């Protein structure tokens, strides 16, 4: 799955709120990942971290393309 955001998306209020929410969620997942967990739980956390980073990368790309 590929994430894509348009120039119009970048200008919307939800975009900034989503970006902030993802940043907070990523921080929480990283803190959880540092805890002692079963291997399956660790793998799940790492997968969630990876997916958030993919979304953030797409958002950053859209922001850079939206700038004049």
PDB file of N, CA and C in Angstrom:
ATOM      1  N   UNK A   1       0.847  -1.183   0.000  1.00  0.00           N
ATOM      2  CA  UNK A   1       0.000   0.000   0.000  1.00  0.00           C
ATOM      3  C   UNK A   1       0.882   1.233   0.000  1.00  0.00           C
ATOM      4  N   UNK A   2       0.502   2.165  -0.814  1.00  0.00           N
ATOM      5  CA  UNK A   2       1.238   3.412  -0.926  1.00  0.00           C
ATOM      6  C   UNK A   2       0.370   4.558  -0.406  1.00  0.00           C
ATOM      7  N   UNK A   3       0.979   5.440   0.352  1.00  0.00           N
ATOM      8  CA  UNK A   3       0.259   6.593   0.878  1.00  0.00           C
ATOM      9  C   UNK A   3       0.563   7.800   0.013  1.00  0.00           C
ATOM     10  N   UNK A   4      -0.479   8.529  -0.357  1.00  0.00           N
ATOM     11  CA  UNK A   4      -0.293   9.724  -1.171  1.00  0.00           C
ATOM     12  C   UNK A   4      -1.179  10.830  -0.620  1.00  0.00           C
ATOM     13  N   UNK A   5      -0.597  12.004  -0.553  1.00  0.00           N
ATOM     14  CA  UNK A   5      -1.319  13.189  -0.114  1.00  0.00           C
ATOM     15  C   UNK A   5      -1.150  14.260  -1.170  1.00  0.00           C
ATOM     16  N   UNK A   6      -2.188  15.017  -1.407  1.00  0.00           N
ATOM     17  CA  UNK A   6      -2.144  16.064  -2.426  1.00  0.00           C
ATOM     18  C   UNK A   6      -1.714  17.398  -1.821  1.00  0.00           C
ATOM     19  N   UNK A   7      -1.461  18.339  -2.708  1.00  0.00           N
ATOM     20  CA  UNK A   7      -1.133  19.698  -2.255  1.00  0.00           C
ATOM     21  C   UNK A   7      -2.292  20.285  -1.467  1.00  0.00           C
ATOM     22  N   UNK A   8      -3.503  19.954  -1.882  1.00  0.00           N
ATOM     23  CA  UNK A   8      -4.690  20.443  -1.179  1.00  0.00           C
ATOM     24  C   UNK A   8      -4.784  19.827   0.224  1.00  0.00           C
ATOM     25  N   UNK A   9      -4.408  18.569   0.347  1.00  0.00           N
ATOM     26  CA  UNK A   9      -4.413  17.910   1.658  1.00  0.00           C
ATOM     27  C   UNK A   9      -3.515  18.652   2.636  1.00  0.00           C
ATOM     28  N   UNK A  10      -2.352  19.054   2.163  1.00  0.00           N
ATOM     29  CA  UNK A  10      -1.364  19.717   3.020  1.00  0.00           C
ATOM     30  C   UNK A  10      -1.934  20.997   3.620  1.00  0.00           C
ATOM     31  N   UNK A  11      -2.815  21.644   2.903  1.00  0.00           N
ATOM     32  CA  UNK A  11      -3.390  22.921   3.363  1.00  0.00           C
ATOM     33  C   UNK A  11      -4.544  22.745   4.347  1.00  0.00           C
ATOM     34  N   UNK A  12      -5.001  21.540   4.530  1.00  0.00           N
ATOM     35  CA  UNK A  12      -6.149  21.274   5.397  1.00  0.00           C
ATOM     36  C   UNK A  12      -5.713  21.160   6.867  1.00  0.00           C
ATOM     37  N   UNK A  13      -6.602  21.546   7.749  1.00  0.00           N
ATOM     38  CA  UNK A  13      -6.314  21.472   9.181  1.00  0.00           C
ATOM     39  C   UNK A  13      -6.101  20.057   9.679  1.00  0.00           C
ATOM     40  N   UNK A  14      -6.802  19.108   9.097  1.00  0.00           N
ATOM     41  CA  UNK A  14      -6.660  17.725   9.542  1.00  0.00           C
ATOM     42  C   UNK A  14      -5.262  17.183   9.271  1.00  0.00           C
ATOM     43  N   UNK A  15      -4.609  17.723   8.252  1.00  0.00           N
ATOM     44  CA  UNK A  15      -3.270  17.256   7.898  1.00  0.00           C
ATOM     45  C   UNK A  15      -2.292  17.532   9.038  1.00  0.00           C
ATOM     46  N   UNK A  16      -2.313  18.735   9.552  1.00  0.00           N
ATOM     47  CA  UNK A  16      -1.427  19.109  10.661  1.00  0.00           C
ATOM     48  C   UNK A  16      -1.770  18.321  11.919  1.00  0.00           C
ATOM     49  N   UNK A  17      -3.068  18.125  12.162  1.00  0.00           N
ATOM     50  CA  UNK A  17      -3.475  17.353  13.343  1.00  0.00           C
ATOM     51  C   UNK A  17      -3.036  15.900  13.213  1.00  0.00           C
ATOM     52  N   UNK A  18      -3.164  15.333  12.023  1.00  0.00           N
ATOM     53  CA  UNK A  18      -2.733  13.955  11.795  1.00  0.00           C
ATOM     54  C   UNK A  18      -1.230  13.830  11.980  1.00  0.00           C
ATOM     55  N   UNK A  19      -0.493  14.787  11.459  1.00  0.00           N
ATOM     56  CA  UNK A  19       0.960  14.761  11.586  1.00  0.00           C
ATOM     57  C   UNK A  19       1.389  14.784  13.052  1.00  0.00           C
ATOM     58  N   UNK A  20       0.746  15.630  13.829  1.00  0.00           N
ATOM     59  CA  UNK A  20       1.055  15.710  15.259  1.00  0.00           C
ATOM     60  C   UNK A  20       0.667  14.425  15.985  1.00  0.00           C
ATOM     61  N   UNK A  21      -0.484  13.904  15.658  1.00  0.00           N
ATOM     62  CA  UNK A  21      -0.957  12.673  16.277  1.00  0.00           C
ATOM     63  C   UNK A  21      -0.024  11.503  15.962  1.00  0.00           C
ATOM     64  N   UNK A  22       0.420  11.413  14.722  1.00  0.00           N
ATOM     65  CA  UNK A  22       1.340  10.342  14.341  1.00  0.00           C
ATOM     66  C   UNK A  22       2.673  10.473  15.059  1.00  0.00           C
ATOM     67  N   UNK A  23       3.140  11.696  15.222  1.00  0.00           N
ATOM     68  CA  UNK A  23       4.390  11.925  15.939  1.00  0.00           C
ATOM     69  C   UNK A  23       4.278  11.473  17.392  1.00  0.00           C
ATOM     70  N   UNK A  24       3.170  11.812  18.031  1.00  0.00           N
ATOM     71  CA  UNK A  24       2.939  11.385  19.415  1.00  0.00           C
ATOM     72  C   UNK A  24       2.842   9.867  19.511  1.00  0.00           C
ATOM     73  N   UNK A  25       2.109   9.272  18.578  1.00  0.00           N
ATOM     74  CA  UNK A  25       1.945   7.814  18.575  1.00  0.00           C
ATOM     75  C   UNK A  25       3.285   7.119  18.359  1.00  0.00           C
ATOM     76  N   UNK A  26       4.101   7.651  17.465  1.00  0.00           N
ATOM     77  CA  UNK A  26       5.413   7.071  17.208  1.00  0.00           C
ATOM     78  C   UNK A  26       6.278   7.109  18.462  1.00  0.00           C
ATOM     79  N   UNK A  27       6.252   8.223  19.162  1.00  0.00           N
ATOM     80  CA  UNK A  27       7.024   8.339  20.403  1.00  0.00           C
ATOM     81  C   UNK A  27       6.564   7.294  21.422  1.00  0.00           C
ATOM     82  N   UNK A  28       5.248   7.134  21.573  1.00  0.00           N
ATOM     83  CA  UNK A  28       4.717   6.153  22.514  1.00  0.00           C
ATOM     84  C   UNK A  28       5.113   4.730  22.122  1.00  0.00           C
ATOM     85  N   UNK A  29       5.042   4.429  20.837  1.00  0.00           N
ATOM     86  CA  UNK A  29       5.414   3.090  20.367  1.00  0.00           C
ATOM     87  C   UNK A  29       6.896   2.821  20.603  1.00  0.00           C
ATOM     88  N   UNK A  30       7.725   3.818  20.387  1.00  0.00           N
ATOM     89  CA  UNK A  30       9.171   3.645  20.624  1.00  0.00           C
ATOM     90  C   UNK A  30       9.457   3.393  22.103  1.00  0.00           C
ATOM     91  N   UNK A  31       8.751   4.113  22.964  1.00  0.00           N
ATOM     92  CA  UNK A  31       8.917   3.884  24.401  1.00  0.00           C
ATOM     93  C   UNK A  31       8.463   2.479  24.774  1.00  0.00           C
ATOM     94  N   UNK A  32       7.327   2.049  24.231  1.00  0.00           N
ATOM     95  CA  UNK A  32       6.836   0.695  24.494  1.00  0.00           C
ATOM     96  C   UNK A  32       7.812  -0.345  23.964  1.00  0.00           C
ATOM     97  N   UNK A  33       8.408  -0.076  22.818  1.00  0.00           N
ATOM     98  CA  UNK A  33       9.326  -1.018  22.200  1.00  0.00           C
ATOM     99  C   UNK A  33      10.582  -1.230  23.040  1.00  0.00           C
ATOM    100  N   UNK A  34      10.921  -0.239  23.855  1.00  0.00           N
ATOM    101  CA  UNK A  34      12.095  -0.345  24.722  1.00  0.00           C
ATOM    102  C   UNK A  34      11.847  -1.224  25.939  1.00  0.00           C
ATOM    103  N   UNK A  35      10.586  -1.551  26.188  1.00  0.00           N
ATOM    104  CA  UNK A  35      10.243  -2.389  27.342  1.00  0.00           C
ATOM    105  C   UNK A  35      10.464  -3.857  27.012  1.00  0.00           C
ATOM    106  N   UNK A  36      10.562  -4.659  28.053  1.00  0.00           N
ATOM    107  CA  UNK A  36      10.727  -6.101  27.890  1.00  0.00           C
ATOM    108  C   UNK A  36       9.385  -6.718  27.499  1.00  0.00           C
ATOM    109  N   UNK A  37       9.335  -7.324  26.305  1.00  0.00           N
ATOM    110  CA  UNK A  37       8.096  -7.915  25.804  1.00  0.00           C
ATOM    111  C   UNK A  37       8.401  -9.254  25.146  1.00  0.00           C
ATOM    112  N   UNK A  38       7.350  -9.980  24.899  1.00  0.00           N
ATOM    113  CA  UNK A  38       7.458 -11.218  24.135  1.00  0.00           C
ATOM    114  C   UNK A  38       7.875 -10.862  22.707  1.00  0.00           C
ATOM    115  N   UNK A  39       8.563 -11.769  22.025  1.00  0.00           N
ATOM    116  CA  UNK A  39       8.999 -11.499  20.649  1.00  0.00           C
ATOM    117  C   UNK A  39       7.854 -11.101  19.704  1.00  0.00           C
ATOM    118  N   UNK A  40       6.710 -11.718  19.849  1.00  0.00           N
ATOM    119  CA  UNK A  40       5.572 -11.385  18.976  1.00  0.00           C
ATOM    120  C   UNK A  40       5.094  -9.956  19.235  1.00  0.00           C
ATOM    121  N   UNK A  41       5.085  -9.540  20.489  1.00  0.00           N
ATOM    122  CA  UNK A  41       4.675  -8.172  20.813  1.00  0.00           C
ATOM    123  C   UNK A  41       5.687  -7.163  20.278  1.00  0.00           C
ATOM    124  N   UNK A  42       6.968  -7.505  20.393  1.00  0.00           N
ATOM    125  CA  UNK A  42       8.015  -6.637  19.874  1.00  0.00           C
ATOM    126  C   UNK A  42       7.875  -6.486  18.366  1.00  0.00           C
ATOM    127  N   UNK A  43       7.627  -7.589  17.681  1.00  0.00           N
ATOM    128  CA  UNK A  43       7.453  -7.547  16.225  1.00  0.00           C
ATOM    129  C   UNK A  43       6.258  -6.684  15.842  1.00  0.00           C
ATOM    130  N   UNK A  44       5.184  -6.793  16.597  1.00  0.00           N
ATOM    131  CA  UNK A  44       4.000  -5.986  16.319  1.00  0.00           C
ATOM    132  C   UNK A  44       4.305  -4.498  16.481  1.00  0.00           C
ATOM    133  N   UNK A  45       4.985  -4.142  17.560  1.00  0.00           N
ATOM    134  CA  UNK A  45       5.346  -2.733  17.797  1.00  0.00           C
ATOM    135  C   UNK A  45       6.232  -2.216  16.668  1.00  0.00           C
ATOM    136  N   UNK A  46       7.193  -3.030  16.256  1.00  0.00           N
ATOM    137  CA  UNK A  46       8.096  -2.612  15.187  1.00  0.00           C
ATOM    138  C   UNK A  46       7.346  -2.429  13.867  1.00  0.00           C
ATOM    139  N   UNK A  47       6.376  -3.278  13.628  1.00  0.00           N
ATOM    140  CA  UNK A  47       5.553  -3.140  12.432  1.00  0.00           C
ATOM    141  C   UNK A  47       4.732  -1.860  12.465  1.00  0.00           C
ATOM    142  N   UNK A  48       4.194  -1.533  13.632  1.00  0.00           N
ATOM    143  CA  UNK A  48       3.427  -0.299  13.771  1.00  0.00           C
ATOM    144  C   UNK A  48       4.326   0.920  13.585  1.00  0.00           C
ATOM    145  N   UNK A  49       5.524   0.869  14.133  1.00  0.00           N
ATOM    146  CA  UNK A  49       6.488   1.958  13.971  1.00  0.00           C
ATOM    147  C   UNK A  49       6.823   2.141  12.492  1.00  0.00           C
ATOM    148  N   UNK A  50       7.074   1.044  11.811  1.00  0.00           N
ATOM    149  CA  UNK A  50       7.401   1.096  10.391  1.00  0.00           C
ATOM    150  C   UNK A  50       6.275   1.742   9.586  1.00  0.00           C
ATOM    151  N   UNK A  51       5.048   1.360   9.880  1.00  0.00           N
ATOM    152  CA  UNK A  51       3.912   1.881   9.126  1.00  0.00           C
ATOM    153  C   UNK A  51       3.716   3.379   9.369  1.00  0.00           C
ATOM    154  N   UNK A  52       3.866   3.817  10.593  1.00  0.00           N
ATOM    155  CA  UNK A  52       3.753   5.251  10.893  1.00  0.00           C
ATOM    156  C   UNK A  52       4.843   6.032  10.164  1.00  0.00           C
ATOM    157  N   UNK A  53       6.049   5.486  10.138  1.00  0.00           N
ATOM    158  CA  UNK A  53       7.134   6.162   9.451  1.00  0.00           C
ATOM    159  C   UNK A  53       6.875   6.248   7.951  1.00  0.00           C
ATOM    160  N   UNK A  54       6.227   5.259   7.370  1.00  0.00           N
ATOM    161  CA  UNK A  54       5.857   5.302   5.947  1.00  0.00           C
ATOM    162  C   UNK A  54       4.852   6.433   5.687  1.00  0.00           C
ATOM    163  N   UNK A  55       3.875   6.557   6.573  1.00  0.00           N
ATOM    164  CA  UNK A  55       2.879   7.624   6.422  1.00  0.00           C
ATOM    165  C   UNK A  55       3.551   8.989   6.571  1.00  0.00           C
ATOM    166  N   UNK A  56       4.407   9.124   7.569  1.00  0.00           N
ATOM    167  CA  UNK A  56       5.105  10.389   7.782  1.00  0.00           C
ATOM    168  C   UNK A  56       5.976  10.755   6.579  1.00  0.00           C
ATOM    169  N   UNK A  57       6.612   9.773   5.989  1.00  0.00           N
ATOM    170  CA  UNK A  57       7.438  10.023   4.807  1.00  0.00           C
ATOM    171  C   UNK A  57       6.581  10.566   3.663  1.00  0.00           C
ATOM    172  N   UNK A  58       5.415   9.974   3.462  1.00  0.00           N
ATOM    173  CA  UNK A  58       4.508  10.445   2.413  1.00  0.00           C
ATOM    174  C   UNK A  58       4.012  11.862   2.718  1.00  0.00           C
ATOM    175  N   UNK A  59       3.751  12.136   3.975  1.00  0.00           N
ATOM    176  CA  UNK A  59       3.300  13.471   4.366  1.00  0.00           C
ATOM    177  C   UNK A  59       4.404  14.504   4.140  1.00  0.00           C
ATOM    178  N   UNK A  60       5.618  14.159   4.493  1.00  0.00           N
ATOM    179  CA  UNK A  60       6.750  15.068   4.289  1.00  0.00           C
ATOM    180  C   UNK A  60       6.969  15.338   2.808  1.00  0.00           C
ATOM    181  N   UNK A  61       6.824  14.308   1.998  1.00  0.00           N
ATOM    182  CA  UNK A  61       6.969  14.476   0.546  1.00  0.00           C
ATOM    183  C   UNK A  61       5.903  15.426   0.012  1.00  0.00           C
ATOM    184  N   UNK A  62       4.677  15.235   0.453  1.00  0.00           N
ATOM    185  CA  UNK A  62       3.582  16.106   0.005  1.00  0.00           C
ATOM    186  C   UNK A  62       3.827  17.550   0.433  1.00  0.00           C
ATOM    187  N   UNK A  63       4.326  17.743   1.635  1.00  0.00           N
ATOM    188  CA  UNK A  63       4.630  19.104   2.104  1.00  0.00           C
ATOM    189  C   UNK A  63       5.706  19.763   1.260  1.00  0.00           C
ATOM    190  N   UNK A  64       6.742  19.016   0.934  1.00  0.00           N
ATOM    191  CA  UNK A  64       7.835  19.610   0.140  1.00  0.00           C
ATOM    192  C   UNK A  64       7.365  19.914  -1.282  1.00  0.00           C
ATOM    193  N   UNK A  65       6.490  19.084  -1.824  1.00  0.00           N
ATOM    194  CA  UNK A  65       5.968  19.331  -3.173  1.00  0.00           C
ATOM    195  C   UNK A  65       4.959  20.476  -3.204  1.00  0.00           C
ATOM    196  N   UNK A  66       4.340  20.753  -2.071  1.00  0.00           N
ATOM    197  CA  UNK A  66       3.326  21.806  -2.009  1.00  0.00           C
ATOM    198  C   UNK A  66       3.940  23.196  -1.858  1.00  0.00           C
ATOM    199  N   UNK A  67       5.196  23.251  -1.482  1.00  0.00           N
ATOM    200  CA  UNK A  67       5.838  24.549  -1.300  1.00  0.00           C
ATOM    201  C   UNK A  67       6.140  25.172  -2.656  1.00  0.00           C
ATOM    202  N   UNK A  68       5.929  26.482  -2.754  1.00  0.00           N
ATOM    203  CA  UNK A  68       6.161  27.176  -4.044  1.00  0.00           C
ATOM    204  C   UNK A  68       7.614  27.212  -4.440  1.00  0.00           C
TER     205      UNK A  68
END
